[in-house]
Amino acid sequence: MILDFNDIAEKLSEIKRNLNTPERTVPPAPEKVKSIDDEVADELNDPRNQEQTEDAQFITKCYKYLKKLGYIDSQYQFSEQFLNKNKYYYGMILCEQRHPSIDSVHNLIRNIADLNDGLTKRLYLDRLYEEGQSILTKRLLKYL
């Protein structure tokens, strides 16, 4: 089908008329997609998490990241697979506002280091590993 100049001009004017009609609505701008960092930061800024100690906040942060990245589905699974404790351990830390044991922080760091997935996930996990090493070092230095 070959269009001549008049056909093209007519199609353009039709399009222009459609654009100028009052019934036309502009679709809303898409919402900004939050990154995993933003989502976890929002959850950590919750007032309920402000009273936690630094190491408990770290464990909570790891839990949130690992859940967002799809490694775990529940606190029970996190306690058993990443902290190497019984399934109620993470919940107990939260409810009783206790310091997690040095052993559990060490297990968490070691288990995060053992994960080997795609590059994006690895970047998140490397940051968590480094932060965990820092917290573990601080805790151990208190005993010297």
C-alpha atoms as a PDB file:
ATOM      1  CA  MET A   1       0.000   0.000   0.000  1.00  0.00           C
ATOM      2  CA  ILE A   2       1.522   3.291  -1.099  1.00  0.00           C
ATOM      3  CA  LEU A   3       0.399   6.509   0.554  1.00  0.00           C
ATOM      4  CA  ASP A   4       0.639   9.782  -1.267  1.00  0.00           C
ATOM      5  CA  PHE A   5       1.311  13.160   0.309  1.00  0.00           C
ATOM      6  CA  ASN A   6      -2.405  13.939   0.808  1.00  0.00           C
ATOM      7  CA  ASP A   7      -2.992  10.675   2.674  1.00  0.00           C
ATOM      8  CA  ILE A   8      -0.044  11.359   4.963  1.00  0.00           C
ATOM      9  CA  ALA A   9      -1.202  14.928   5.632  1.00  0.00           C
ATOM     10  CA  GLU A  10      -4.709  13.664   6.408  1.00  0.00           C
ATOM     11  CA  LYS A  11      -3.378  11.024   8.865  1.00  0.00           C
ATOM     12  CA  LEU A  12      -1.218  13.633  10.602  1.00  0.00           C
ATOM     13  CA  SER A  13      -4.108  16.053  11.001  1.00  0.00           C
ATOM     14  CA  GLU A  14      -6.275  13.227  12.387  1.00  0.00           C
ATOM     15  CA  ILE A  15      -3.590  12.389  14.943  1.00  0.00           C
ATOM     16  CA  LYS A  16      -3.288  16.062  15.858  1.00  0.00           C
ATOM     17  CA  ARG A  17      -7.055  16.345  16.368  1.00  0.00           C
ATOM     18  CA  ASN A  18      -7.021  13.273  18.616  1.00  0.00           C
ATOM     19  CA  LEU A  19      -4.263  14.798  20.708  1.00  0.00           C
ATOM     20  CA  ASN A  20      -6.200  18.012  21.240  1.00  0.00           C
ATOM     21  CA  THR A  21      -9.460  16.414  22.358  1.00  0.00           C
ATOM     22  CA  PRO A  22     -10.470  17.136  25.966  1.00  0.00           C
ATOM     23  CA  GLU A  23     -11.268  13.441  26.664  1.00  0.00           C
ATOM     24  CA  ARG A  24      -7.618  12.540  26.410  1.00  0.00           C
ATOM     25  CA  THR A  25      -6.121  11.912  29.797  1.00  0.00           C
ATOM     26  CA  VAL A  26      -2.462  11.767  30.588  1.00  0.00           C
ATOM     27  CA  PRO A  27      -1.465   8.530  32.278  1.00  0.00           C
ATOM     28  CA  PRO A  28       0.099   8.990  35.695  1.00  0.00           C
ATOM     29  CA  ALA A  29       3.863   8.902  35.868  1.00  0.00           C
ATOM     30  CA  PRO A  30       5.146   5.517  36.950  1.00  0.00           C
ATOM     31  CA  GLU A  31       6.159   5.287  40.586  1.00  0.00           C
ATOM     32  CA  LYS A  32       9.849   5.169  41.309  1.00  0.00           C
ATOM     33  CA  VAL A  33      10.930   1.593  41.837  1.00  0.00           C
ATOM     34  CA  LYS A  34      12.674   1.247  45.171  1.00  0.00           C
ATOM     35  CA  SER A  35      15.984  -0.533  45.299  1.00  0.00           C
ATOM     36  CA  ILE A  36      16.583  -3.269  47.829  1.00  0.00           C
ATOM     37  CA  ASP A  37      18.789  -0.824  49.761  1.00  0.00           C
ATOM     38  CA  ASP A  38      15.908   1.670  50.016  1.00  0.00           C
ATOM     39  CA  GLU A  39      13.408  -0.978  51.105  1.00  0.00           C
ATOM     40  CA  VAL A  40      15.698  -2.390  53.781  1.00  0.00           C
ATOM     41  CA  ALA A  41      16.623   1.105  55.003  1.00  0.00           C
ATOM     42  CA  ASP A  42      12.926   1.987  55.333  1.00  0.00           C
ATOM     43  CA  GLU A  43      12.302  -1.145  57.379  1.00  0.00           C
ATOM     44  CA  LEU A  44      15.360  -0.570  59.568  1.00  0.00           C
ATOM     45  CA  ASN A  45      14.264   3.017  60.282  1.00  0.00           C
ATOM     46  CA  ASP A  46      11.099   1.653  61.849  1.00  0.00           C
ATOM     47  CA  PRO A  47      11.004   2.886  65.487  1.00  0.00           C
ATOM     48  CA  ARG A  48      10.732  -0.701  66.700  1.00  0.00           C
ATOM     49  CA  ASN A  49      14.239  -1.370  65.359  1.00  0.00           C
ATOM     50  CA  GLN A  50      15.876   1.714  66.897  1.00  0.00           C
ATOM     51  CA  GLU A  51      16.347   0.165  70.328  1.00  0.00           C
ATOM     52  CA  GLN A  52      18.391  -2.747  69.021  1.00  0.00           C
ATOM     53  CA  THR A  53      22.121  -2.973  69.618  1.00  0.00           C
ATOM     54  CA  GLU A  54      24.473  -2.587  66.669  1.00  0.00           C
ATOM     55  CA  ASP A  55      24.990  -6.317  66.268  1.00  0.00           C
ATOM     56  CA  ALA A  56      21.260  -7.048  66.564  1.00  0.00           C
ATOM     57  CA  GLN A  57      20.595  -4.375  63.921  1.00  0.00           C
ATOM     58  CA  PHE A  58      23.184  -6.045  61.709  1.00  0.00           C
ATOM     59  CA  ILE A  59      21.483  -9.414  62.064  1.00  0.00           C
ATOM     60  CA  THR A  60      18.120  -7.788  61.298  1.00  0.00           C
ATOM     61  CA  LYS A  61      19.618  -6.082  58.255  1.00  0.00           C
ATOM     62  CA  CYS A  62      21.017  -9.404  57.010  1.00  0.00           C
ATOM     63  CA  TYR A  63      17.654 -11.062  57.551  1.00  0.00           C
ATOM     64  CA  LYS A  64      15.889  -8.380  55.513  1.00  0.00           C
ATOM     65  CA  TYR A  65      18.440  -8.507  52.669  1.00  0.00           C
ATOM     66  CA  LEU A  66      18.467 -12.299  52.510  1.00  0.00           C
ATOM     67  CA  LYS A  67      14.682 -12.353  52.458  1.00  0.00           C
ATOM     68  CA  LYS A  68      14.483  -9.709  49.698  1.00  0.00           C
ATOM     69  CA  LEU A  69      17.099 -11.584  47.667  1.00  0.00           C
ATOM     70  CA  GLY A  70      15.084 -14.799  47.998  1.00  0.00           C
ATOM     71  CA  TYR A  71      17.466 -16.897  50.098  1.00  0.00           C
ATOM     72  CA  ILE A  72      15.043 -17.345  52.983  1.00  0.00           C
ATOM     73  CA  ASP A  73      11.305 -17.311  53.570  1.00  0.00           C
ATOM     74  CA  SER A  74      11.019 -17.052  57.338  1.00  0.00           C
ATOM     75  CA  GLN A  75      12.731 -16.164  60.595  1.00  0.00           C
ATOM     76  CA  TYR A  76      12.846 -19.864  61.425  1.00  0.00           C
ATOM     77  CA  GLN A  77      14.753 -20.644  58.258  1.00  0.00           C
ATOM     78  CA  PHE A  78      17.123 -17.709  58.872  1.00  0.00           C
ATOM     79  CA  SER A  79      17.861 -18.887  62.424  1.00  0.00           C
ATOM     80  CA  GLU A  80      18.614 -22.422  61.328  1.00  0.00           C
ATOM     81  CA  GLN A  81      20.412 -21.888  58.013  1.00  0.00           C
ATOM     82  CA  PHE A  82      22.349 -18.673  58.589  1.00  0.00           C
ATOM     83  CA  LEU A  83      22.776 -18.350  62.351  1.00  0.00           C
ATOM     84  CA  ASN A  84      23.143 -22.129  62.871  1.00  0.00           C
ATOM     85  CA  LYS A  85      20.868 -21.909  65.915  1.00  0.00           C
ATOM     86  CA  ASN A  86      17.450 -23.303  66.760  1.00  0.00           C
ATOM     87  CA  LYS A  87      14.520 -21.903  64.815  1.00  0.00           C
ATOM     88  CA  TYR A  88      13.429 -19.564  67.622  1.00  0.00           C
ATOM     89  CA  TYR A  89      16.791 -17.821  68.093  1.00  0.00           C
ATOM     90  CA  TYR A  90      16.273 -14.781  65.839  1.00  0.00           C
ATOM     91  CA  GLY A  91      12.775 -14.180  67.260  1.00  0.00           C
ATOM     92  CA  MET A  92      14.182 -14.359  70.779  1.00  0.00           C
ATOM     93  CA  ILE A  93      16.818 -11.708  69.950  1.00  0.00           C
ATOM     94  CA  LEU A  94      14.092  -9.409  68.655  1.00  0.00           C
ATOM     95  CA  CYS A  95      11.549  -9.950  71.431  1.00  0.00           C
ATOM     96  CA  GLU A  96      13.929  -9.890  74.366  1.00  0.00           C
ATOM     97  CA  GLN A  97      16.220  -7.235  72.840  1.00  0.00           C
ATOM     98  CA  ARG A  98      19.287  -9.336  73.546  1.00  0.00           C
ATOM     99  CA  HIS A  99      22.762  -9.193  72.116  1.00  0.00           C
ATOM    100  CA  PRO A 100      23.247 -12.007  69.632  1.00  0.00           C
ATOM    101  CA  SER A 101      26.085 -14.338  70.536  1.00  0.00           C
ATOM    102  CA  ILE A 102      29.480 -13.851  68.920  1.00  0.00           C
ATOM    103  CA  ASP A 103      29.109 -17.364  67.574  1.00  0.00           C
ATOM    104  CA  SER A 104      25.851 -16.517  65.793  1.00  0.00           C
ATOM    105  CA  VAL A 105      27.342 -13.373  64.203  1.00  0.00           C
ATOM    106  CA  HIS A 106      30.356 -15.424  63.086  1.00  0.00           C
ATOM    107  CA  ASN A 107      28.103 -18.145  61.641  1.00  0.00           C
ATOM    108  CA  LEU A 108      26.083 -15.526  59.783  1.00  0.00           C
ATOM    109  CA  ILE A 109      29.189 -13.957  58.246  1.00  0.00           C
ATOM    110  CA  ARG A 110      30.589 -17.345  57.258  1.00  0.00           C
ATOM    111  CA  ASN A 111      27.306 -18.465  55.699  1.00  0.00           C
ATOM    112  CA  ILE A 112      26.980 -15.204  53.746  1.00  0.00           C
ATOM    113  CA  ALA A 113      30.531 -15.669  52.441  1.00  0.00           C
ATOM    114  CA  ASP A 114      29.629 -19.191  51.274  1.00  0.00           C
ATOM    115  CA  LEU A 115      26.775 -17.935  49.100  1.00  0.00           C
ATOM    116  CA  ASN A 116      27.794 -17.638  45.473  1.00  0.00           C
ATOM    117  CA  ASP A 117      25.174 -16.187  43.153  1.00  0.00           C
ATOM    118  CA  GLY A 118      24.934 -13.548  40.467  1.00  0.00           C
ATOM    119  CA  LEU A 119      26.955 -10.337  40.473  1.00  0.00           C
ATOM    120  CA  THR A 120      24.177  -8.081  41.793  1.00  0.00           C
ATOM    121  CA  LYS A 121      23.454 -10.331  44.752  1.00  0.00           C
ATOM    122  CA  ARG A 122      27.179 -10.732  45.371  1.00  0.00           C
ATOM    123  CA  LEU A 123      27.575  -6.944  45.747  1.00  0.00           C
ATOM    124  CA  TYR A 124      24.931  -6.842  48.474  1.00  0.00           C
ATOM    125  CA  LEU A 125      26.375  -9.888  50.198  1.00  0.00           C
ATOM    126  CA  ASP A 126      29.948  -8.548  50.109  1.00  0.00           C
ATOM    127  CA  ARG A 127      28.817  -5.357  51.837  1.00  0.00           C
ATOM    128  CA  LEU A 128      27.049  -7.373  54.522  1.00  0.00           C
ATOM    129  CA  TYR A 129      30.132  -9.558  54.965  1.00  0.00           C
ATOM    130  CA  GLU A 130      32.404  -6.542  55.457  1.00  0.00           C
ATOM    131  CA  GLU A 131      30.003  -4.916  57.917  1.00  0.00           C
ATOM    132  CA  GLY A 132      29.746  -8.172  59.839  1.00  0.00           C
ATOM    133  CA  GLN A 133      33.513  -8.523  60.024  1.00  0.00           C
ATOM    134  CA  SER A 134      33.714  -5.016  61.493  1.00  0.00           C
ATOM    135  CA  ILE A 135      31.055  -5.753  64.122  1.00  0.00           C
ATOM    136  CA  LEU A 136      32.658  -9.064  65.035  1.00  0.00           C
ATOM    137  CA  THR A 137      36.056  -7.384  65.434  1.00  0.00           C
ATOM    138  CA  LYS A 138      34.572  -4.707  67.715  1.00  0.00           C
ATOM    139  CA  ARG A 139      32.895  -7.342  69.853  1.00  0.00           C
ATOM    140  CA  LEU A 140      36.079  -9.381  70.178  1.00  0.00           C
ATOM    141  CA  LEU A 141      38.213  -6.345  71.006  1.00  0.00           C
ATOM    142  CA  LYS A 142      36.032  -5.685  74.053  1.00  0.00           C
ATOM    143  CA  TYR A 143      37.441  -8.874  75.577  1.00  0.00           C
ATOM    144  CA  LEU A 144      41.075  -7.778  75.290  1.00  0.00           C
END
